[in-house]
Amino acid sequence: MRAMEIIRQVYALDGKLTLEDGKLKVQAPAPLPDGLRQALREHKPSVMVALGAPLDVVVADVLTELRPHLPQALQALSDDKLLALVNWSIMASWDAALRGLR
């Protein structure tokens, strides 16, 4: 499900999505269906961008959610260093996948 479709579904249920202090806030008159709540969790960064959040705010939010799941040594890294490590990991995985196609 794409970000705009998620936003449309929330609005169709008279819900409201806002950005407050770099966080995505959801307000609705009734609990959102489980599938829609799951889609919001899975696609939170793209929903935030679709709502106009600056990319650095979205990245900071993603790193905040990611940090507790990392080994202790990585948790201590600054956001800039952690982001560099994540980018390096993505590039290394992409390179490995491309080599596997040859």
C-alpha atoms as a PDB file:
ATOM      1  CA  MET A   1       0.000   0.000   0.000  1.00  0.00           C
ATOM      2  CA  ARG A   2       1.368   3.410  -0.924  1.00  0.00           C
ATOM      3  CA  ALA A   3       1.518   6.431   1.355  1.00  0.00           C
ATOM      4  CA  MET A   4      -1.213   8.390  -0.412  1.00  0.00           C
ATOM      5  CA  GLU A   5      -3.574   5.402  -0.288  1.00  0.00           C
ATOM      6  CA  ILE A   6      -2.950   5.034   3.451  1.00  0.00           C
ATOM      7  CA  ILE A   7      -3.635   8.741   3.970  1.00  0.00           C
ATOM      8  CA  ARG A   8      -6.849   8.515   1.915  1.00  0.00           C
ATOM      9  CA  GLN A   9      -8.045   5.527   3.950  1.00  0.00           C
ATOM     10  CA  VAL A  10      -7.408   7.328   7.247  1.00  0.00           C
ATOM     11  CA  TYR A  11      -9.303  10.396   5.989  1.00  0.00           C
ATOM     12  CA  ALA A  12     -12.152   8.189   4.703  1.00  0.00           C
ATOM     13  CA  LEU A  13     -12.598   7.012   8.306  1.00  0.00           C
ATOM     14  CA  ASP A  14     -12.765  10.669   9.449  1.00  0.00           C
ATOM     15  CA  GLY A  15      -9.241  10.333  10.804  1.00  0.00           C
ATOM     16  CA  LYS A  16      -6.524  12.919  10.718  1.00  0.00           C
ATOM     17  CA  LEU A  17      -2.761  12.571  10.255  1.00  0.00           C
ATOM     18  CA  THR A  18      -0.505  15.389  11.399  1.00  0.00           C
ATOM     19  CA  LEU A  19       3.160  16.027  12.030  1.00  0.00           C
ATOM     20  CA  GLU A  20       3.985  17.415  15.463  1.00  0.00           C
ATOM     21  CA  ASP A  21       7.552  17.936  16.641  1.00  0.00           C
ATOM     22  CA  GLY A  22       8.821  15.537  13.979  1.00  0.00           C
ATOM     23  CA  LYS A  23       6.387  12.786  14.953  1.00  0.00           C
ATOM     24  CA  LEU A  24       3.429  11.360  13.058  1.00  0.00           C
ATOM     25  CA  LYS A  25       0.214  11.785  15.027  1.00  0.00           C
ATOM     26  CA  VAL A  26      -2.982   9.909  14.247  1.00  0.00           C
ATOM     27  CA  GLN A  27      -6.403  11.044  15.446  1.00  0.00           C
ATOM     28  CA  ALA A  28      -9.600   9.183  14.623  1.00  0.00           C
ATOM     29  CA  PRO A  29     -13.087   8.991  16.119  1.00  0.00           C
ATOM     30  CA  ALA A  30     -12.746   5.199  16.374  1.00  0.00           C
ATOM     31  CA  PRO A  31      -9.764   2.840  16.369  1.00  0.00           C
ATOM     32  CA  LEU A  32      -8.392   2.306  12.873  1.00  0.00           C
ATOM     33  CA  PRO A  33      -8.711  -1.209  11.406  1.00  0.00           C
ATOM     34  CA  ASP A  34      -5.780  -3.486  12.225  1.00  0.00           C
ATOM     35  CA  GLY A  35      -4.647  -3.640   8.590  1.00  0.00           C
ATOM     36  CA  LEU A  36      -4.553   0.131   8.298  1.00  0.00           C
ATOM     37  CA  ARG A  37      -2.660   0.495  11.582  1.00  0.00           C
ATOM     38  CA  GLN A  38      -0.148  -2.080  10.351  1.00  0.00           C
ATOM     39  CA  ALA A  39       0.214  -0.235   7.036  1.00  0.00           C
ATOM     40  CA  LEU A  40       0.860   3.007   8.927  1.00  0.00           C
ATOM     41  CA  ARG A  41       3.597   1.312  10.964  1.00  0.00           C
ATOM     42  CA  GLU A  42       5.215  -0.276   7.906  1.00  0.00           C
ATOM     43  CA  HIS A  43       5.055   2.835   5.726  1.00  0.00           C
ATOM     44  CA  LYS A  44       5.472   5.524   8.378  1.00  0.00           C
ATOM     45  CA  PRO A  45       8.506   7.218   6.751  1.00  0.00           C
ATOM     46  CA  SER A  46       6.816   7.538   3.345  1.00  0.00           C
ATOM     47  CA  VAL A  47       3.582   8.774   4.963  1.00  0.00           C
ATOM     48  CA  MET A  48       5.574  11.402   6.848  1.00  0.00           C
ATOM     49  CA  VAL A  49       7.274  12.537   3.625  1.00  0.00           C
ATOM     50  CA  ALA A  50       3.899  12.631   1.820  1.00  0.00           C
ATOM     51  CA  LEU A  51       2.590  14.886   4.587  1.00  0.00           C
ATOM     52  CA  GLY A  52       5.505  17.263   4.045  1.00  0.00           C
ATOM     53  CA  ALA A  53       8.014  16.230   6.691  1.00  0.00           C
ATOM     54  CA  PRO A  54      11.580  17.217   5.796  1.00  0.00           C
ATOM     55  CA  LEU A  55      13.747  14.228   4.990  1.00  0.00           C
ATOM     56  CA  ASP A  56      16.123  14.897   7.891  1.00  0.00           C
ATOM     57  CA  VAL A  57      13.182  14.749  10.322  1.00  0.00           C
ATOM     58  CA  VAL A  58      12.042  11.437   8.840  1.00  0.00           C
ATOM     59  CA  VAL A  59      15.562  10.000   9.023  1.00  0.00           C
ATOM     60  CA  ALA A  60      15.891  11.092  12.664  1.00  0.00           C
ATOM     61  CA  ASP A  61      12.576   9.382  13.469  1.00  0.00           C
ATOM     62  CA  VAL A  62      13.668   6.155  11.744  1.00  0.00           C
ATOM     63  CA  LEU A  63      17.007   6.170  13.588  1.00  0.00           C
ATOM     64  CA  THR A  64      15.207   6.711  16.910  1.00  0.00           C
ATOM     65  CA  GLU A  65      13.088   3.617  16.270  1.00  0.00           C
ATOM     66  CA  LEU A  66      16.054   1.594  15.009  1.00  0.00           C
ATOM     67  CA  ARG A  67      18.576   2.460  17.749  1.00  0.00           C
ATOM     68  CA  PRO A  68      17.109   0.296  20.608  1.00  0.00           C
ATOM     69  CA  HIS A  69      17.377  -2.821  18.415  1.00  0.00           C
ATOM     70  CA  LEU A  70      21.085  -2.379  17.726  1.00  0.00           C
ATOM     71  CA  PRO A  71      24.031  -3.823  19.642  1.00  0.00           C
ATOM     72  CA  GLN A  72      25.211  -1.577  22.495  1.00  0.00           C
ATOM     73  CA  ALA A  73      28.295  -0.367  20.607  1.00  0.00           C
ATOM     74  CA  LEU A  74      26.191   0.817  17.659  1.00  0.00           C
ATOM     75  CA  GLN A  75      23.611   2.506  19.889  1.00  0.00           C
ATOM     76  CA  ALA A  76      26.318   4.938  21.018  1.00  0.00           C
ATOM     77  CA  LEU A  77      27.006   6.195  17.472  1.00  0.00           C
ATOM     78  CA  SER A  78      25.871   9.683  16.525  1.00  0.00           C
ATOM     79  CA  ASP A  79      22.974   9.946  14.074  1.00  0.00           C
ATOM     80  CA  ASP A  80      25.390  10.965  11.290  1.00  0.00           C
ATOM     81  CA  LYS A  81      27.655   7.961  11.846  1.00  0.00           C
ATOM     82  CA  LEU A  82      24.731   5.578  12.219  1.00  0.00           C
ATOM     83  CA  LEU A  83      23.176   6.895   9.013  1.00  0.00           C
ATOM     84  CA  ALA A  84      26.504   6.434   7.202  1.00  0.00           C
ATOM     85  CA  LEU A  85      26.651   2.846   8.460  1.00  0.00           C
ATOM     86  CA  VAL A  86      23.067   2.176   7.329  1.00  0.00           C
ATOM     87  CA  ASN A  87      23.816   3.663   3.899  1.00  0.00           C
ATOM     88  CA  TRP A  88      26.970   1.574   3.615  1.00  0.00           C
ATOM     89  CA  SER A  89      25.004  -1.567   4.537  1.00  0.00           C
ATOM     90  CA  ILE A  90      22.392  -0.817   1.889  1.00  0.00           C
ATOM     91  CA  MET A  91      25.075  -0.271  -0.762  1.00  0.00           C
ATOM     92  CA  ALA A  92      26.906  -3.470   0.233  1.00  0.00           C
ATOM     93  CA  SER A  93      23.668  -5.487   0.078  1.00  0.00           C
ATOM     94  CA  TRP A  94      22.803  -3.976  -3.298  1.00  0.00           C
ATOM     95  CA  ASP A  95      26.285  -4.819  -4.620  1.00  0.00           C
ATOM     96  CA  ALA A  96      25.991  -8.405  -3.363  1.00  0.00           C
ATOM     97  CA  ALA A  97      22.562  -8.775  -4.971  1.00  0.00           C
ATOM     98  CA  LEU A  98      23.861  -7.481  -8.303  1.00  0.00           C
ATOM     99  CA  ARG A  99      26.812  -9.893  -8.193  1.00  0.00           C
ATOM    100  CA  GLY A 100      24.362 -12.714  -7.585  1.00  0.00           C
ATOM    101  CA  LEU A 101      22.556 -11.826 -10.823  1.00  0.00           C
ATOM    102  CA  ARG A 102      25.676 -12.243 -12.963  1.00  0.00           C
END
